[in-house]
Amino acid sequence: MQNRTTFQYIIILLKGMAMGAADVVPGVSGGTIAFISGIYEELITTIHKLNFSFFKTWKKEGLKIAWKNYNLSFLVSLLIGIAISILSLAKLITVLLKNHPVLVWSFFFGLVLASILYVGNQITNWKISTWAILILSSLLSYWITIAEPIGSPDSTWFLFIAGFIAIIAMILPGISGAFILLLLGAYATVIGTLTQLSDGITKLDTSLIGQAILKLSFFGMGALIGIKVFSKALTWMFANYKNLILAALTGFMIGALNKVWPWKEVLKYRINSHGEQIPFLEKSILPIHFNGDAQLIYALILAIIGFLTIFLLEKLATTKTS
C-alpha cells in the first residue's frame, strides 16, 4: 500500500468529511464524492480485502504489518472524517427538519430528481427487460412510501435491516444511502440518534451516549454485514448486468419522489422512544391544500438549488473521468 505523509492523511480525512456530508443528505452519494476525489477504487479495494485474515496476519507478523497490509491508516482516516461530518451535520438537519420541513424537503426533492436523471442517463441499452425493471422498481418503491411501516423505526432490529440495506447505496456512485434510509422510513430516526450522540458527547451525558451507541451499534452491525455480503456481489452485478441495476436504482428513486414531496398531510401519529408524538403515516398533497404556509416560492428555489447541486457534481465526475 502507499506510504503517505501526515498531510496526505489529513487530506484523506477532509475527503471523508465531504463523503460524510454527502451521505447525510438524501440524493447525494458519498460514492460519487469518493469517485470525484480520486479515492473510490482504493476504498472499494480496501473494503474487499478486509476480512478475518487480518487477525491471522496480526498474530503472525504483528499489528504494524497487519495494519499496513490492510491499508487501515487510509480507511481509519477516511472513517474519522466521515464520522466528524455526519455528527456535525445530523444536528443541523434535525433542527432544520423540525423548524423548516417544507424547505428542507424541497431541497431534498431537487436532489433526488436530479439523481434520477444522473443515474438514468448512464443506462446505455433500453430493452424490454430494462423498462420492465424500471417500472417494477418504481411501483415497488412508491408502494413502500405509502404502506404503513412494518415496524417502529426506533426498534433495534429495524435499524439493523436499515443499515444492512443502506450501506449498499453508500458505496455506489450515483445512489444515496440517506435516500435508502428515507425510503425505509428510518432517516429521521438515524439522524435523530446521531444528534443524540452528538448532544451526549457535548454535555458529557453518559445516558444519552449509551442509548445512542446501542442503536447505532445495531445499525453498524447491519451495515458491516451488508458491505461484506454485497460489495463483491455488486461489483459482479455491475460488470454483468449494469443496465438492469441502473434501471432498478432509477426506478426506486422515481417511486421515492412521493416520500420527499414537501407538502404532507399526517394520517397517523406514533409515540417515539422519548414519548413524543411524531408522524407515522403521511400522504402527499398539493401546496394549496397544505395546512400552513406552503412557502411555494422558497420551496421552488431550494428545489432548483438541490437539482443544480447534483448537476454540478455530475459535471465534476465527468471531468474526473476525462
Protein backbone atom coordinates (compact mmCIF):
# COMPACT_ATOMS: atom_id res chain seq x y z
CA MET A 1 0.00 0.00 0.00
CA GLN A 2 1.02 3.64 -0.41
CA ASN A 3 3.36 5.33 2.06
CA ARG A 4 1.70 8.63 2.89
CA THR A 5 2.72 11.68 4.90
CA THR A 6 0.67 13.11 7.79
CA PHE A 7 -0.51 15.91 5.49
CA GLN A 8 -1.77 13.38 2.94
CA TYR A 9 -3.76 11.59 5.65
CA ILE A 10 -5.29 14.94 6.66
CA ILE A 11 -6.39 15.37 3.02
CA ILE A 12 -7.98 11.89 3.16
CA LEU A 13 -9.74 12.89 6.38
CA LEU A 14 -11.11 16.00 4.62
CA LYS A 15 -12.29 13.82 1.72
CA GLY A 16 -14.02 11.63 4.31
CA MET A 17 -15.75 14.72 5.72
CA ALA A 18 -17.03 15.52 2.21
CA MET A 19 -18.30 11.94 1.88
CA GLY A 20 -19.98 12.15 5.28
CA ALA A 21 -21.71 15.38 4.32
CA ALA A 22 -22.99 13.71 1.16
CA ASP A 23 -24.22 10.59 2.93
CA VAL A 24 -26.31 12.64 5.38
CA VAL A 25 -28.29 14.23 2.54
CA PRO A 26 -30.80 12.14 0.52
CA GLY A 27 -29.95 12.30 -3.18
CA VAL A 28 -26.22 12.95 -2.81
CA SER A 29 -23.97 9.91 -2.94
CA GLY A 30 -20.88 9.51 -0.80
CA GLY A 31 -19.69 7.13 -3.51
CA THR A 32 -19.83 9.98 -6.03
CA ILE A 33 -17.71 12.17 -3.76
CA ALA A 34 -15.20 9.32 -3.36
CA PHE A 35 -15.08 8.95 -7.13
CA ILE A 36 -14.62 12.68 -7.77
CA SER A 37 -11.89 12.94 -5.12
CA GLY A 38 -9.97 10.00 -6.61
CA ILE A 39 -10.23 7.50 -3.74
CA TYR A 40 -13.14 5.33 -4.90
CA GLU A 41 -11.10 2.41 -6.28
CA GLU A 42 -8.78 2.35 -3.26
CA LEU A 43 -11.77 2.42 -0.92
CA ILE A 44 -13.53 -0.50 -2.64
CA THR A 45 -10.27 -2.50 -2.87
CA THR A 46 -9.55 -1.92 0.83
CA ILE A 47 -13.06 -2.98 1.83
CA HIS A 48 -12.88 -6.10 -0.35
CA LYS A 49 -9.56 -7.14 1.16
CA LEU A 50 -10.51 -6.56 4.80
CA ASN A 51 -11.64 -9.80 6.48
CA PHE A 52 -10.85 -12.08 9.41
CA SER A 53 -7.46 -12.96 7.91
CA PHE A 54 -6.37 -9.58 9.29
CA PHE A 55 -6.25 -11.16 12.75
CA LYS A 56 -4.11 -14.07 11.45
CA THR A 57 -1.62 -11.60 9.99
CA TRP A 58 -1.69 -9.64 13.25
CA LYS A 59 -0.94 -12.80 15.24
CA LYS A 60 1.88 -13.97 12.93
CA GLU A 61 3.54 -10.71 11.88
CA GLY A 62 2.37 -8.14 14.41
CA LEU A 63 -0.15 -5.29 14.38
CA LYS A 64 2.10 -2.87 12.50
CA ILE A 65 2.49 -5.19 9.49
CA ALA A 66 -1.18 -6.20 9.50
CA TRP A 67 -2.24 -2.55 9.74
CA LYS A 68 -0.07 -1.62 6.77
CA ASN A 69 -1.01 -4.67 4.65
CA TYR A 70 -4.71 -3.94 5.01
CA ASN A 71 -4.32 -0.19 4.38
CA LEU A 72 -6.04 0.67 7.65
CA SER A 73 -4.41 4.11 8.03
CA PHE A 74 -6.26 5.13 4.86
CA LEU A 75 -9.54 3.56 5.98
CA VAL A 76 -9.43 4.91 9.55
CA SER A 77 -8.56 8.45 8.36
CA LEU A 78 -11.48 8.32 5.94
CA LEU A 79 -13.91 6.96 8.56
CA ILE A 80 -12.91 9.61 11.11
CA GLY A 81 -13.63 12.31 8.52
CA ILE A 82 -16.99 10.73 7.67
CA ALA A 83 -17.91 10.48 11.38
CA ILE A 84 -16.97 14.10 12.12
CA SER A 85 -19.08 15.35 9.24
CA ILE A 86 -22.10 13.13 9.94
CA LEU A 87 -22.21 14.02 13.65
CA SER A 88 -21.89 17.74 12.86
CA LEU A 89 -24.50 17.85 10.12
CA ALA A 90 -27.01 15.49 11.76
CA LYS A 91 -27.81 18.06 14.45
CA LEU A 92 -28.21 20.83 11.87
CA ILE A 93 -30.54 18.75 9.71
CA THR A 94 -32.59 17.69 12.76
CA VAL A 95 -33.13 21.35 13.68
CA LEU A 96 -33.94 22.34 10.09
CA LEU A 97 -36.40 19.46 9.65
CA LYS A 98 -38.17 20.49 12.83
CA ASN A 99 -38.36 24.22 12.06
CA HIS A 100 -38.40 24.37 8.24
CA PRO A 101 -39.69 20.99 6.99
CA VAL A 102 -41.16 22.23 3.69
CA LEU A 103 -37.93 23.97 2.66
CA VAL A 104 -35.70 21.04 3.65
CA TRP A 105 -37.86 18.50 1.80
CA SER A 106 -37.96 20.81 -1.23
CA PHE A 107 -34.16 20.80 -1.33
CA PHE A 108 -34.15 17.01 -0.97
CA PHE A 109 -36.77 16.73 -3.74
CA GLY A 110 -34.49 18.63 -6.11
CA LEU A 111 -31.56 16.41 -5.18
CA VAL A 112 -33.46 13.18 -5.83
CA LEU A 113 -35.00 14.48 -9.06
CA ALA A 114 -31.55 15.31 -10.44
CA SER A 115 -30.20 11.96 -9.24
CA ILE A 116 -32.89 10.20 -11.29
CA LEU A 117 -31.64 11.91 -14.44
CA TYR A 118 -27.99 11.29 -13.50
CA VAL A 119 -28.38 7.56 -12.89
CA GLY A 120 -30.89 7.06 -15.71
CA ASN A 121 -28.57 8.71 -18.24
CA GLN A 122 -25.97 6.01 -17.52
CA ILE A 123 -28.28 3.31 -18.97
CA THR A 124 -26.85 2.53 -22.42
CA ASN A 125 -29.27 -0.10 -23.72
CA TRP A 126 -33.02 0.35 -23.28
CA LYS A 127 -34.54 -3.10 -23.84
CA ILE A 128 -37.90 -4.52 -22.75
CA SER A 129 -36.24 -6.03 -19.67
CA THR A 130 -34.73 -2.65 -18.77
CA TRP A 131 -38.10 -0.91 -18.99
CA ALA A 132 -39.75 -3.73 -17.04
CA ILE A 133 -37.23 -3.43 -14.19
CA LEU A 134 -37.62 0.36 -14.18
CA ILE A 135 -41.41 0.19 -13.95
CA LEU A 136 -41.49 -2.62 -11.37
CA SER A 137 -38.93 -0.94 -9.11
CA SER A 138 -40.81 2.38 -9.41
CA LEU A 139 -44.06 0.74 -8.36
CA LEU A 140 -42.40 -1.16 -5.51
CA SER A 141 -40.70 1.99 -4.26
CA TYR A 142 -43.93 4.00 -4.43
CA TRP A 143 -45.79 1.24 -2.58
CA ILE A 144 -43.16 1.35 0.19
CA THR A 145 -43.70 5.10 0.57
CA ILE A 146 -47.47 4.76 1.08
CA ALA A 147 -47.53 1.49 3.04
CA GLU A 148 -47.73 1.52 6.81
CA PRO A 149 -44.24 0.71 8.18
CA ILE A 150 -43.86 -2.91 9.30
CA GLY A 151 -42.01 -1.88 12.43
CA SER A 152 -41.07 1.11 14.51
CA PRO A 153 -38.01 2.93 13.15
CA ASP A 154 -36.80 3.08 16.76
CA SER A 155 -36.57 -0.70 17.13
CA THR A 156 -33.12 -2.28 17.08
CA TRP A 157 -33.98 -4.99 14.53
CA PHE A 158 -35.37 -2.36 12.17
CA LEU A 159 -32.16 -0.34 12.46
CA PHE A 160 -30.13 -3.49 11.73
CA ILE A 161 -32.10 -4.07 8.50
CA ALA A 162 -31.82 -0.39 7.58
CA GLY A 163 -28.03 -0.47 7.99
CA PHE A 164 -27.80 -3.70 6.01
CA ILE A 165 -29.66 -2.20 3.04
CA ALA A 166 -28.44 1.43 3.20
CA ILE A 167 -24.74 0.54 3.09
CA ILE A 168 -25.24 -0.89 -0.40
CA ALA A 169 -26.12 2.57 -1.68
CA MET A 170 -23.38 4.29 0.29
CA ILE A 171 -20.65 2.50 -1.68
CA LEU A 172 -22.19 3.13 -5.11
CA PRO A 173 -21.62 6.32 -7.10
CA GLY A 174 -24.93 7.94 -8.01
CA ILE A 175 -27.18 6.48 -5.31
CA SER A 176 -27.54 7.88 -1.81
CA GLY A 177 -27.51 5.84 1.40
CA ALA A 178 -29.59 8.55 3.08
CA PHE A 179 -32.12 8.14 0.27
CA ILE A 180 -32.45 4.43 1.09
CA LEU A 181 -32.96 5.27 4.78
CA LEU A 182 -35.60 7.77 3.71
CA LEU A 183 -37.36 5.14 1.62
CA LEU A 184 -37.32 2.69 4.54
CA GLY A 185 -38.67 5.31 6.93
CA ALA A 186 -35.53 5.21 9.07
CA TYR A 187 -33.92 8.51 8.03
CA ALA A 188 -35.34 10.70 10.83
CA THR A 189 -34.54 8.03 13.43
CA VAL A 190 -30.91 7.60 12.36
CA ILE A 191 -30.35 11.37 12.08
CA GLY A 192 -32.03 11.85 15.47
CA THR A 193 -29.84 9.16 17.04
CA LEU A 194 -26.69 10.79 15.64
CA THR A 195 -27.87 14.11 17.07
CA GLN A 196 -28.47 12.37 20.42
CA LEU A 197 -24.90 11.03 20.35
CA SER A 198 -23.53 14.48 19.49
CA ASP A 199 -25.52 16.07 22.32
CA GLY A 200 -24.39 13.37 24.74
CA ILE A 201 -20.74 13.98 23.88
CA THR A 202 -21.15 17.77 24.15
CA LYS A 203 -22.97 17.55 27.51
CA LEU A 204 -20.89 14.59 28.78
CA ASP A 205 -24.18 12.77 29.39
CA THR A 206 -23.35 9.05 29.56
CA SER A 207 -27.04 8.08 29.45
CA LEU A 208 -27.58 9.83 26.10
CA ILE A 209 -24.32 8.45 24.73
CA GLY A 210 -25.18 4.90 25.82
CA GLN A 211 -28.66 4.96 24.28
CA ALA A 212 -27.34 6.37 21.00
CA ILE A 213 -24.42 3.93 20.79
CA LEU A 214 -26.76 0.97 21.41
CA LYS A 215 -28.98 1.96 18.47
CA LEU A 216 -26.06 2.87 16.21
CA SER A 217 -24.27 -0.39 17.01
CA PHE A 218 -27.20 -2.37 15.58
CA PHE A 219 -27.25 -0.10 12.54
CA GLY A 220 -23.47 -0.50 12.24
CA MET A 221 -23.63 -4.30 12.52
CA GLY A 222 -26.19 -4.37 9.71
CA ALA A 223 -24.00 -2.10 7.61
CA LEU A 224 -20.88 -4.18 8.28
CA ILE A 225 -22.56 -7.43 7.28
CA GLY A 226 -24.21 -5.73 4.30
CA ILE A 227 -20.97 -4.33 2.94
CA LYS A 228 -19.19 -7.69 3.19
CA VAL A 229 -22.10 -9.58 1.64
CA PHE A 230 -22.80 -7.15 -1.19
CA SER A 231 -19.52 -5.42 -2.09
CA LYS A 232 -18.26 -8.30 -4.26
CA ALA A 233 -21.77 -9.16 -5.48
CA LEU A 234 -22.38 -5.56 -6.56
CA THR A 235 -19.08 -5.45 -8.41
CA TRP A 236 -20.04 -8.61 -10.29
CA MET A 237 -23.59 -7.41 -10.97
CA PHE A 238 -22.39 -4.07 -12.30
CA ALA A 239 -19.91 -5.84 -14.55
CA ASN A 240 -22.53 -8.22 -15.97
CA TYR A 241 -25.94 -6.54 -15.55
CA LYS A 242 -25.11 -2.85 -15.32
CA ASN A 243 -28.12 -1.56 -17.27
CA LEU A 244 -30.60 -3.59 -15.21
CA ILE A 245 -29.06 -2.46 -11.91
CA LEU A 246 -29.11 1.17 -13.04
CA ALA A 247 -32.74 0.77 -14.18
CA ALA A 248 -33.67 -0.62 -10.75
CA LEU A 249 -31.90 2.23 -8.95
CA THR A 250 -33.57 4.80 -11.20
CA GLY A 251 -36.98 3.22 -10.62
CA PHE A 252 -36.54 3.21 -6.85
CA MET A 253 -35.76 6.92 -6.92
CA ILE A 254 -38.75 7.70 -9.17
CA GLY A 255 -41.10 5.93 -6.77
CA ALA A 256 -39.47 7.61 -3.78
CA LEU A 257 -40.26 11.11 -5.06
CA ASN A 258 -43.53 10.67 -3.18
CA LYS A 259 -41.55 10.29 0.04
CA VAL A 260 -39.63 13.56 -0.40
CA TRP A 261 -42.62 15.59 -1.63
CA PRO A 262 -42.57 18.67 0.64
CA TRP A 263 -46.28 19.03 1.36
CA LYS A 264 -47.83 16.29 3.51
CA GLU A 265 -50.96 15.53 5.46
CA VAL A 266 -50.49 13.34 8.55
CA LEU A 267 -52.79 10.32 8.60
CA LYS A 268 -51.47 8.65 11.73
CA TYR A 269 -49.09 9.51 14.57
CA ARG A 270 -46.86 7.35 16.76
CA ILE A 271 -45.09 7.86 20.08
CA ASN A 272 -41.30 7.64 19.82
CA SER A 273 -38.84 6.42 22.47
CA HIS A 274 -38.79 9.89 24.05
CA GLY A 275 -42.57 9.95 24.50
CA GLU A 276 -43.04 12.49 21.69
CA GLN A 277 -45.89 12.32 19.17
CA ILE A 278 -44.47 12.25 15.64
CA PRO A 279 -45.95 11.49 12.18
CA PHE A 280 -46.12 7.76 11.38
CA LEU A 281 -48.15 7.69 8.16
CA GLU A 282 -48.48 10.61 5.75
CA LYS A 283 -49.85 11.33 2.28
CA SER A 284 -48.67 13.84 -0.30
CA ILE A 285 -50.98 16.76 -1.03
CA LEU A 286 -50.95 19.84 -3.28
CA PRO A 287 -49.48 23.04 -1.79
CA ILE A 288 -52.91 24.72 -1.90
CA HIS A 289 -54.28 22.07 0.45
CA PHE A 290 -51.37 22.32 2.90
CA ASN A 291 -52.32 23.18 6.47
CA GLY A 292 -49.95 26.10 6.99
CA ASP A 293 -47.65 28.33 4.96
CA ALA A 294 -46.82 26.42 1.76
CA GLN A 295 -43.76 28.68 1.13
CA LEU A 296 -44.11 27.88 -2.56
CA ILE A 297 -41.58 30.38 -3.96
CA TYR A 298 -38.85 29.49 -1.46
CA ALA A 299 -39.59 25.79 -1.89
CA LEU A 300 -39.16 26.11 -5.66
CA ILE A 301 -35.86 27.98 -5.24
CA LEU A 302 -34.46 25.33 -2.89
CA ALA A 303 -35.59 22.51 -5.18
CA ILE A 304 -33.68 24.18 -8.04
CA ILE A 305 -30.60 24.59 -5.81
CA GLY A 306 -30.81 20.89 -4.90
CA PHE A 307 -31.14 19.94 -8.57
CA LEU A 308 -28.14 22.08 -9.55
CA THR A 309 -26.04 20.57 -6.73
CA ILE A 310 -26.30 17.12 -8.33
CA PHE A 311 -25.81 18.63 -11.80
CA LEU A 312 -22.50 20.22 -10.70
CA LEU A 313 -21.34 17.00 -9.01
CA GLU A 314 -22.11 15.12 -12.21
CA LYS A 315 -20.04 17.61 -14.21
CA LEU A 316 -17.15 17.21 -11.78
CA ALA A 317 -17.38 13.42 -12.02
CA THR A 318 -17.41 13.61 -15.83
CA THR A 319 -14.37 15.87 -15.77
CA LYS A 320 -12.61 13.43 -13.42
CA THR A 321 -13.33 10.54 -15.78
CA SER A 322 -11.96 12.50 -18.75
